[in-house]
Protein backbone atom coordinates (compact mmCIF):
# COMPACT_ATOMS: atom_id res chain seq x y z
CA MET A 1 -23.03 6.25 16.55
CA THR A 2 -19.79 4.27 16.29
CA LEU A 3 -18.71 3.80 12.69
CA ASP A 4 -17.73 0.39 11.29
CA PRO A 5 -13.94 0.45 10.67
CA GLN A 6 -14.26 -2.01 7.78
CA ARG A 7 -16.85 0.11 6.00
CA LEU A 8 -14.78 3.23 6.61
CA ARG A 9 -11.90 1.86 4.55
CA ILE A 10 -13.66 2.39 1.23
CA GLU A 11 -13.89 6.07 2.19
CA GLY A 12 -10.11 6.23 2.56
CA THR A 13 -10.26 6.16 6.35
CA TYR A 14 -8.25 3.94 8.71
CA GLN A 15 -8.13 3.76 12.47
CA GLN A 16 -4.80 4.98 13.78
CA LYS A 17 -2.47 3.25 16.18
CA GLN A 18 -3.79 5.56 18.89
CA PRO A 19 -7.32 4.56 20.03
CA GLY A 20 -10.05 6.97 19.03
CA TYR A 21 -8.13 8.64 16.18
CA PHE A 22 -8.37 8.20 12.42
CA MET A 23 -6.30 8.74 9.31
CA GLN A 24 -8.01 10.14 6.19
CA ARG A 25 -6.32 9.56 2.83
CA VAL A 26 -7.13 11.81 -0.13
CA LYS A 27 -6.69 11.00 -3.82
CA VAL A 28 -4.95 13.63 -5.94
CA PRO A 29 -5.79 12.89 -9.61
CA GLY A 30 -2.67 12.81 -11.76
CA GLU A 31 -0.70 14.22 -8.81
CA VAL A 32 -1.79 17.75 -9.76
CA LEU A 33 -3.24 19.91 -6.99
CA SER A 34 -4.68 23.38 -7.64
CA ALA A 35 -3.93 26.31 -5.37
CA GLU A 36 -7.60 26.38 -4.36
CA GLN A 37 -7.48 22.72 -3.41
CA ALA A 38 -4.24 23.23 -1.49
CA LEU A 39 -5.80 26.04 0.55
CA LYS A 40 -8.77 23.83 1.40
CA VAL A 41 -6.42 21.01 2.44
CA ALA A 42 -4.49 23.46 4.63
CA GLY A 43 -7.75 24.56 6.24
CA ILE A 44 -8.73 20.96 7.01
CA ALA A 45 -5.31 20.32 8.54
CA GLU A 46 -5.60 23.39 10.74
CA ARG A 47 -9.13 22.59 11.95
CA PHE A 48 -8.91 18.86 12.44
CA ALA A 49 -5.34 17.47 12.12
CA GLY A 50 -3.15 19.60 14.36
CA GLY A 51 -1.97 21.75 11.45
CA LEU A 52 -0.11 18.90 9.74
CA LEU A 53 -0.54 16.71 6.68
CA HIS A 54 1.44 13.82 5.24
CA LEU A 55 2.40 13.48 1.57
CA THR A 56 2.60 9.80 0.59
CA THR A 57 4.81 7.90 -1.83
CA ARG A 58 1.77 7.51 -4.11
CA ALA A 59 1.32 11.29 -4.25
CA SER A 60 -1.75 11.20 -2.03
CA ILE A 61 -2.45 13.32 1.05
CA GLU A 62 -3.08 11.95 4.52
CA PHE A 63 -4.57 13.69 7.55
CA HIS A 64 -3.84 12.13 10.92
CA TRP A 65 -5.36 12.58 14.39
CA LEU A 66 -8.93 13.06 13.14
CA ASN A 67 -11.86 12.45 15.48
CA GLU A 68 -14.77 10.29 14.38
CA GLU A 69 -17.26 13.15 14.57
CA ASN A 70 -15.21 15.21 12.10
CA LEU A 71 -14.89 12.64 9.29
CA ALA A 72 -18.08 13.65 7.48
CA GLU A 73 -17.17 17.34 7.60
CA VAL A 74 -13.70 16.60 6.23
CA ALA A 75 -15.28 14.68 3.35
CA ARG A 76 -17.67 17.57 2.68
CA MET A 77 -14.84 20.11 2.62
CA LEU A 78 -12.83 17.94 0.23
CA ALA A 79 -15.83 17.53 -2.08
CA ALA A 80 -16.19 21.32 -2.26
CA VAL A 81 -12.93 21.44 -4.25
CA GLY A 82 -13.35 18.21 -6.22
CA LEU A 83 -11.30 15.92 -3.98
CA THR A 84 -12.29 12.60 -2.40
CA GLY A 85 -10.95 9.79 -0.27
CA ARG A 86 -13.32 7.24 -1.83
CA GLY A 87 -11.30 4.17 -2.80
CA ALA A 88 -8.06 5.52 -1.34
CA CYS A 89 -8.09 2.54 1.06
CA GLY A 90 -9.78 -0.86 1.03
CA GLY A 91 -10.59 -3.13 -1.90
CA ALA A 92 -10.88 -0.60 -4.71
CA VAL A 93 -8.95 1.07 -7.50
CA ARG A 94 -6.63 3.34 -5.55
CA GLY A 95 -5.37 6.78 -6.52
CA VAL A 96 -3.90 6.85 -10.02
CA VAL A 97 -0.30 8.05 -9.79
CA CYS A 98 1.70 9.87 -12.44
CA GLY A 99 5.19 9.43 -11.10
CA THR A 100 7.44 11.18 -13.65
CA PRO A 101 6.58 14.89 -13.35
CA PHE A 102 9.91 16.13 -14.68
CA LEU A 103 9.82 14.22 -17.98
CA GLU A 104 8.68 15.82 -21.22
CA GLY A 105 5.56 13.67 -21.57
CA PHE A 106 4.09 14.60 -18.17
CA PRO A 107 1.41 16.96 -19.58
CA THR A 108 0.12 14.01 -21.64
CA THR A 109 0.25 11.39 -18.91
CA GLN A 110 -1.41 13.59 -16.27
CA VAL A 111 -4.43 13.94 -18.57
CA LEU A 112 -4.79 10.17 -18.91
CA ALA A 113 -4.26 9.71 -15.17
CA ARG A 114 -7.10 12.11 -14.40
CA LYS A 115 -9.40 10.36 -16.88
CA LEU A 116 -8.68 7.02 -15.26
CA HIS A 117 -9.28 8.52 -11.82
CA HIS A 118 -12.71 9.82 -12.80
CA HIS A 119 -13.64 6.58 -14.57
CA PHE A 120 -12.78 4.22 -11.73
CA THR A 121 -13.38 6.31 -8.58
CA GLN A 122 -16.80 5.84 -6.91
CA ASN A 123 -17.75 3.35 -9.62
CA PRO A 124 -19.39 0.39 -7.83
CA HIS A 125 -18.21 -1.99 -10.55
CA PHE A 126 -14.65 -1.42 -9.36
CA GLU A 127 -15.16 -1.52 -5.59
CA GLY A 128 -15.45 -4.57 -3.35
CA LEU A 129 -12.26 -6.01 -4.86
CA PRO A 130 -10.26 -8.73 -3.08
CA LYS A 131 -7.70 -6.12 -2.09
CA LYS A 132 -6.25 -2.85 -3.35
CA PHE A 133 -5.67 -2.31 -7.07
CA LYS A 134 -3.04 0.23 -8.09
CA ILE A 135 -2.62 2.05 -11.41
CA GLY A 136 0.32 4.20 -12.47
CA VAL A 137 0.85 6.29 -15.61
CA ASP A 138 4.41 7.34 -16.36
CA ALA A 139 6.04 9.43 -19.07
CA GLY A 140 9.08 7.13 -19.14
CA TYR A 141 10.93 4.33 -17.43
CA ARG A 142 13.27 6.47 -15.34
CA ASP A 143 11.94 5.69 -11.85
CA SER A 144 10.83 2.07 -12.48
CA ARG A 145 7.52 2.57 -10.69
CA HIS A 146 5.72 0.62 -13.40
CA LEU A 147 7.20 -2.48 -11.75
CA ILE A 148 5.11 -2.09 -8.57
CA GLN A 149 1.67 -1.42 -10.10
CA ASP A 150 -1.21 -3.77 -10.75
CA VAL A 151 -1.37 -1.87 -14.03
CA GLY A 152 1.58 0.30 -15.02
CA LEU A 153 1.28 2.41 -18.17
CA VAL A 154 4.42 3.90 -19.71
CA LEU A 155 4.15 6.42 -22.52
CA ALA A 156 5.69 4.82 -25.62
CA GLY A 157 5.17 7.52 -28.23
CA VAL A 158 2.52 8.59 -30.70
CA ASN A 159 1.12 6.45 -33.52
CA GLY A 160 -1.26 8.01 -36.05
CA GLY A 161 -1.88 10.96 -33.78
CA THR A 162 -2.77 8.74 -30.82
CA GLU A 163 -0.65 8.28 -27.70
CA CYS A 164 0.47 4.70 -27.11
CA TYR A 165 1.46 3.03 -23.86
CA ASP A 166 3.42 -0.03 -22.80
CA VAL A 167 1.21 -1.94 -20.37
CA TRP A 168 2.75 -3.75 -17.39
CA VAL A 169 0.65 -5.83 -15.01
CA ALA A 170 0.62 -7.76 -11.72
CA GLY A 171 3.40 -5.95 -9.89
CA GLY A 172 3.49 -5.18 -6.18
CA LEU A 173 5.69 -4.93 -3.11
CA GLY A 174 4.65 -5.96 0.41
CA ARG A 175 5.74 -9.19 2.01
CA GLU A 176 5.94 -10.98 -1.34
CA PRO A 177 7.46 -8.55 -3.87
CA GLN A 178 6.66 -9.29 -7.52
CA PRO A 179 7.84 -7.15 -10.44
CA ALA A 180 5.17 -6.48 -13.07
CA PHE A 181 5.55 -8.16 -16.46
CA LEU A 182 5.09 -6.53 -19.86
CA LEU A 183 1.62 -7.50 -21.09
CA GLU A 184 1.64 -5.55 -24.34
CA GLU A 185 3.66 -2.83 -26.05
CA LYS A 186 2.37 0.38 -27.65
CA VAL A 187 -1.29 0.00 -26.77
CA ALA A 188 -3.39 2.76 -28.34
CA GLY A 189 -5.04 5.15 -25.91
CA GLU A 190 -8.55 4.12 -26.98
CA ARG A 191 -7.85 0.58 -25.76
CA ILE A 192 -6.56 1.55 -22.32
CA ILE A 193 -9.82 1.74 -20.36
CA PRO A 194 -11.35 -1.47 -21.81
CA LEU A 195 -8.08 -3.28 -21.09
CA ILE A 196 -7.87 -2.05 -17.50
CA GLU A 197 -11.54 -2.90 -16.95
CA ALA A 198 -10.83 -6.43 -18.15
CA ILE A 199 -7.82 -6.74 -15.84
CA VAL A 200 -9.84 -5.54 -12.83
CA THR A 201 -12.71 -7.90 -13.69
CA VAL A 202 -10.41 -10.90 -14.05
CA TYR A 203 -8.78 -9.97 -10.75
CA GLN A 204 -12.14 -9.70 -9.00
CA ARG A 205 -13.48 -13.01 -10.34
CA HIS A 206 -10.45 -15.23 -9.93
CA THR A 207 -8.48 -13.95 -6.93
CA PRO A 208 -9.14 -14.97 -3.29
CA GLN A 209 -10.19 -12.32 -0.81
CA GLY A 210 -7.24 -10.46 0.67
CA LYS A 211 -4.88 -11.20 -2.23
CA ARG A 212 -3.39 -8.90 -4.89
CA LEU A 213 -3.28 -9.52 -8.64
CA LYS A 214 0.27 -10.80 -8.26
CA HIS A 215 -1.21 -13.81 -6.41
CA LEU A 216 -3.26 -14.69 -9.49
CA LEU A 217 -0.13 -14.39 -11.61
CA ARG A 218 1.72 -16.84 -9.38
CA GLU A 219 -1.23 -19.22 -9.41
CA ARG A 220 -2.04 -19.17 -13.15
CA GLY A 221 1.29 -18.12 -14.63
CA GLU A 222 1.81 -15.41 -17.23
CA GLU A 223 0.16 -17.34 -20.05
CA GLY A 224 -2.77 -18.35 -17.84
CA LEU A 225 -3.40 -14.71 -16.93
CA ARG A 226 -3.15 -13.71 -20.59
CA GLU A 227 -5.76 -16.34 -21.49
CA LEU A 228 -8.20 -15.05 -18.86
CA LEU A 229 -7.77 -11.54 -20.28
CA ARG A 230 -8.32 -12.71 -23.85
CA GLU A 231 -11.60 -14.32 -22.79
CA GLU A 232 -12.73 -11.21 -20.93
CA LEU A 233 -11.82 -8.88 -23.82
CA ALA A 234 -13.56 -10.97 -26.50
CA GLY A 235 -16.11 -8.82 -28.27
CA LYS A 236 -15.17 -5.62 -26.46
CA GLY A 237 -14.29 -2.66 -28.64
CA PRO A 238 -12.18 0.43 -28.04
CA LEU A 239 -13.35 3.41 -26.01
CA ALA A 240 -12.15 6.65 -27.53
CA LEU A 241 -11.68 9.62 -25.21
CA PRO A 242 -11.31 12.48 -27.69
CA ASP A 243 -10.56 15.98 -26.46
CA GLY A 244 -11.57 19.19 -28.19
CA PHE A 245 -8.53 20.99 -26.82
CA ALA A 246 -5.46 20.31 -24.68
CA LYS A 247 -6.36 19.46 -21.09
CA GLY A 248 -3.00 19.48 -19.36
CA LEU A 249 -3.12 21.46 -16.12
CA THR A 250 0.57 22.31 -15.93
CA ALA A 251 3.11 23.71 -18.33
CA PRO A 252 5.74 21.32 -19.73
CA PRO A 253 8.54 20.67 -17.22
CA ALA A 254 11.09 23.48 -17.19
CA THR A 255 14.49 22.77 -18.70
CA SER A 256 16.37 25.51 -16.83
CA PRO A 257 16.50 25.00 -13.93
CA PRO A 258 15.51 21.34 -14.39
CA ARG A 259 13.61 20.92 -11.12
CA ILE A 260 11.77 23.47 -9.02
CA GLU A 261 10.41 21.81 -5.92
CA ALA A 262 9.94 22.02 -2.21
CA ARG A 263 11.73 19.00 -0.81
CA VAL A 264 9.60 17.98 2.17
CA PHE A 265 11.40 15.72 4.61
CA ALA A 266 9.45 12.51 5.28
CA GLY A 267 6.42 14.06 3.59
CA GLU A 268 5.49 15.97 6.77
CA LEU A 269 4.16 19.39 5.76
CA THR A 270 2.60 22.10 7.92
CA ALA A 271 -0.55 23.93 6.90
CA PRO A 272 1.16 27.38 6.86
CA LEU A 273 3.85 26.07 4.52
CA LEU A 274 1.23 24.57 2.23
CA ARG A 275 -0.42 27.98 2.07
CA ARG A 276 2.92 29.48 1.02
CA LEU A 277 3.27 26.84 -1.69
CA ALA A 278 -0.25 27.61 -2.92
CA GLU A 279 0.76 31.26 -3.22
CA ILE A 280 3.84 30.32 -5.25
CA ALA A 281 1.69 28.17 -7.55
CA THR A 282 -0.71 31.07 -8.07
CA LEU A 283 2.01 33.60 -8.79
CA HIS A 284 4.40 31.55 -10.89
CA ALA A 285 2.97 28.16 -11.99
CA GLY A 286 -0.46 28.79 -13.44
CA GLY A 287 -2.21 28.00 -10.17
CA PHE A 288 -1.10 24.37 -9.92
CA MET A 289 1.46 22.30 -8.04
CA VAL A 290 2.51 18.67 -8.46
CA LEU A 291 2.78 16.20 -5.58
CA THR A 292 5.59 13.78 -6.34
CA CYS A 293 6.12 10.17 -5.33
CA GLU A 294 9.28 11.36 -3.54
CA GLN A 295 6.89 13.17 -1.15
CA ASN A 296 7.83 16.60 -2.46
CA VAL A 297 5.93 19.47 -4.08
CA ALA A 298 6.99 20.48 -7.60
CA PHE A 299 6.19 23.46 -9.80
CA HIS A 300 6.13 23.85 -13.58
CA PRO A 301 6.40 27.60 -14.23
CA GLU A 302 5.12 28.82 -17.56
CA GLN A 303 7.99 31.24 -18.18
CA PRO A 304 11.71 31.39 -17.23
CA ALA A 305 10.98 34.46 -15.12
CA GLY A 306 8.40 32.41 -13.25
CA ALA A 307 10.99 29.76 -12.53
CA ALA A 308 13.30 32.32 -10.98
CA GLY A 309 10.47 33.85 -8.98
CA ALA A 310 9.29 30.47 -7.72
CA ALA A 311 12.81 29.50 -6.68
CA THR A 312 13.25 32.78 -4.78
CA LEU A 313 9.98 32.37 -2.90
CA LEU A 314 10.73 28.72 -2.12
CA ALA A 315 14.06 29.70 -0.57
CA ALA A 316 12.32 32.38 1.49
CA ALA A 317 9.85 29.76 2.72
CA GLY A 318 12.70 27.56 3.93
CA PHE A 319 13.15 25.33 0.87
CA SER A 320 16.60 26.45 -0.24
CA GLY A 321 17.89 22.91 -0.82
CA GLU A 322 20.87 23.51 1.46
CA ALA A 323 19.85 21.42 4.47
CA LYS A 324 20.83 17.76 4.51
CA GLU A 325 17.16 16.81 4.92
CA GLU A 326 16.53 18.46 1.53
CA ARG A 327 19.62 17.24 -0.30
CA VAL A 328 19.04 13.54 0.35
CA THR A 329 16.10 11.78 -1.30
CA PHE A 330 14.50 9.87 1.60
CA GLN A 331 11.01 8.38 1.28
CA VAL A 332 9.41 7.72 4.66
CA CYS A 333 6.08 6.17 5.70
CA PRO A 334 4.39 7.23 8.98
CA GLY A 335 5.57 4.05 10.75
CA SER A 336 4.69 3.59 14.40
CA HIS A 337 4.15 7.33 14.83
CA GLU A 338 0.55 6.83 13.63
CA CYS A 339 0.14 3.59 11.67
CA ARG A 340 -1.38 0.55 13.42
CA LEU A 341 0.98 -1.74 11.51
CA GLY A 342 4.12 0.32 12.12
CA LEU A 343 6.92 -1.43 14.00
CA ALA A 344 9.36 1.48 14.20
CA PRO A 345 9.35 5.30 14.48
CA THR A 346 10.42 5.88 10.89
CA ARG A 347 10.82 9.68 10.96
CA ASP A 348 13.07 9.56 14.03
CA ILE A 349 15.22 6.80 12.53
CA ALA A 350 15.45 8.60 9.19
CA ARG A 351 16.88 11.67 10.93
CA GLU A 352 19.40 9.50 12.80
CA LEU A 353 20.47 7.89 9.53
CA LEU A 354 20.86 11.27 7.85
CA ALA A 355 23.11 12.41 10.68
CA ALA A 356 25.24 9.25 10.36
CA MET A 357 25.70 9.10 6.57
CA GLY A 358 28.62 10.60 4.69
CA GLU A 359 28.98 11.82 1.11
CA LYS A 360 28.55 8.38 -0.45
CA GLY A 361 25.37 7.80 1.50
CA GLU A 362 24.02 11.23 0.61
CA ALA A 363 24.43 10.44 -3.09
CA LEU A 364 22.00 7.51 -2.84
CA SER A 365 18.20 7.52 -2.85
CA TRP A 366 16.76 6.16 0.40
CA ALA A 367 13.46 4.78 1.67
CA ILE A 368 12.42 3.41 5.05
CA SER A 369 9.26 1.41 5.66
CA GLY A 370 7.95 0.86 9.17
CA CYS A 371 6.67 -2.65 8.38
CA PRO A 372 7.02 -5.34 5.68
CA ASN A 373 4.10 -3.85 3.69
CA SER A 374 6.74 -1.58 2.11
CA CYS A 375 4.57 1.53 1.69
CA ALA A 376 7.70 3.66 1.36
CA GLN A 377 8.79 1.54 -1.63
CA PRO A 378 12.24 0.59 -0.22
CA GLN A 379 12.83 -2.02 -2.95
CA LEU A 380 12.91 0.79 -5.54
CA ALA A 381 15.41 2.96 -3.68
CA GLU A 382 19.16 2.58 -4.13
CA ALA A 383 19.24 1.93 -0.38
CA GLY A 384 16.09 0.70 1.34
CA ILE A 385 15.23 -0.21 4.91
CA ILE A 386 12.34 -2.32 6.19
CA ALA A 387 11.35 -2.86 9.82
CA VAL A 388 10.64 -6.58 9.65
CA LYS A 389 9.74 -7.65 13.20
CA LEU A 390 9.73 -6.85 16.90
CA VAL A 391 12.03 -8.81 19.22
CA LYS A 392 11.42 -9.21 22.96
CA GLU A 393 14.26 -7.90 25.09
CA GLY A 394 15.41 -8.98 28.56
CA ASP A 395 13.41 -6.23 30.23
CA GLY A 396 10.21 -7.48 28.61
CA GLY A 397 10.06 -4.69 26.07
CA ARG A 398 10.15 -5.22 22.32
CA THR A 399 12.41 -3.46 19.85
CA PRO A 400 12.38 -3.53 16.03
CA ARG A 401 14.79 -5.32 13.72
CA PHE A 402 15.62 -4.03 10.26
CA ASP A 403 16.70 -5.37 6.88
CA LEU A 404 18.94 -3.19 4.70
CA TYR A 405 18.39 -3.41 0.92
CA ARG A 406 20.54 -2.29 -1.99
CA ARG A 407 19.38 -1.93 -5.59
CA ASN A 408 21.71 -1.93 -8.57
CA SER A 409 19.40 -2.63 -11.52
CA ALA A 410 16.55 -0.52 -12.89
CA GLU A 411 14.84 -3.73 -14.05
CA ALA A 412 14.69 -5.50 -10.68
CA PHE A 413 13.97 -4.82 -7.03
CA GLY A 414 16.57 -4.22 -4.38
CA ILE A 415 17.69 -7.20 -2.33
CA PRO A 416 18.59 -7.48 1.37
CA VAL A 417 22.32 -7.20 2.06
CA ARG A 418 22.07 -7.02 5.88
CA GLN A 419 19.25 -8.59 7.87
CA GLY A 420 17.96 -8.55 11.44
CA LEU A 421 19.81 -5.36 12.40
CA THR A 422 19.12 -3.54 15.64
CA ARG A 423 18.59 0.21 15.43
CA ALA A 424 22.17 0.83 16.52
CA GLU A 425 23.51 -1.71 14.03
CA LEU A 426 21.48 -0.12 11.25
CA ILE A 427 22.90 3.31 11.99
CA GLU A 428 26.43 1.88 12.04
CA ALA A 429 25.83 0.10 8.71
CA VAL A 430 24.80 3.42 7.15
CA ARG A 431 27.82 5.16 8.66
CA GLU A 432 30.08 2.52 7.10
CA LEU A 433 28.81 3.44 3.62
CA GLY A 434 30.80 6.63 3.93
């Protein structure tokens, strides 16, 4: 039986660029993956995905090159370790990201992120939305990812023993970038779920099919959106989520050394390496690892000795941090390698750009997106690249053109400084940075 591609989306499954093959996306609640889950993911990759997996800029996992007949078995294997792709694509609440794993408040924010994941995932009230709906929970403002969420929560301290969050809404990238605006400051934790439910409901009722929440903001204005939320929230009380004990899965981020992570170029990780990382997590990080929005794998050892041991094993596994591919922060989407919308082979171009850039270029954060949907989040990088179109050449073939972005403010998106570049012109522009 041939499966309906539209119905597959809600399961986190897309058809690939190559006919007959599928991509399966997997939500990772709060970005925290257990060693047991990692081993299961590695097993799936080995059996069905050519031994590879892709780490995304929303800290999800993607398998590529799946056959239709294997999709149900992949879902079953994921369910065995508490993972799912439900809602990872299509019109639903997507995976809840927790994009600041090296800040002090991460143990707190990961707990809230997991609660939100379990509340909204596979809940029919929050599926069948006009388009995707993205939630992020951050321990601080360092990486500015709150600007690109439909709902961005930023930890703002503790009031009366309760964590409080600044709530930002209606952000998004894509072809029409829109920074989120600050809806309310220091919202008590017990109000978070009712508030997000109201935002999702308003979005579902008042937004045309195929449009994000940012469309409703443009149509109604900030005050108009606030009024719709006031009406929806009328009469709704708080929803306390008390815990009998601490539920953080990882230790607080280590202060020395500040970051222990496997820097995975372009998010492309082999199953054997993931098994090695699972072993490191088991031996030195309480059995857990953190998938970051930079497409890396981080560890929070419980003791200084664990930090040293993890660093030693990472170096032995090939993650010494010495290679240029590890030193430079470079977020990369799959592009035309697998994605149906991809206009350019992003991984190949990223390697060419790395080879061309000098010390000044290496000091910047980079992102390259294979189409204007901006999945690699290029507007948040200090230097971003978007493949914007294909141009027909004299021989009848078509080649991509690129826009180069630069970002100088943590409160705004990057802007294009060079547009319509050929691949060769893009490489030269990066070389000129020094």
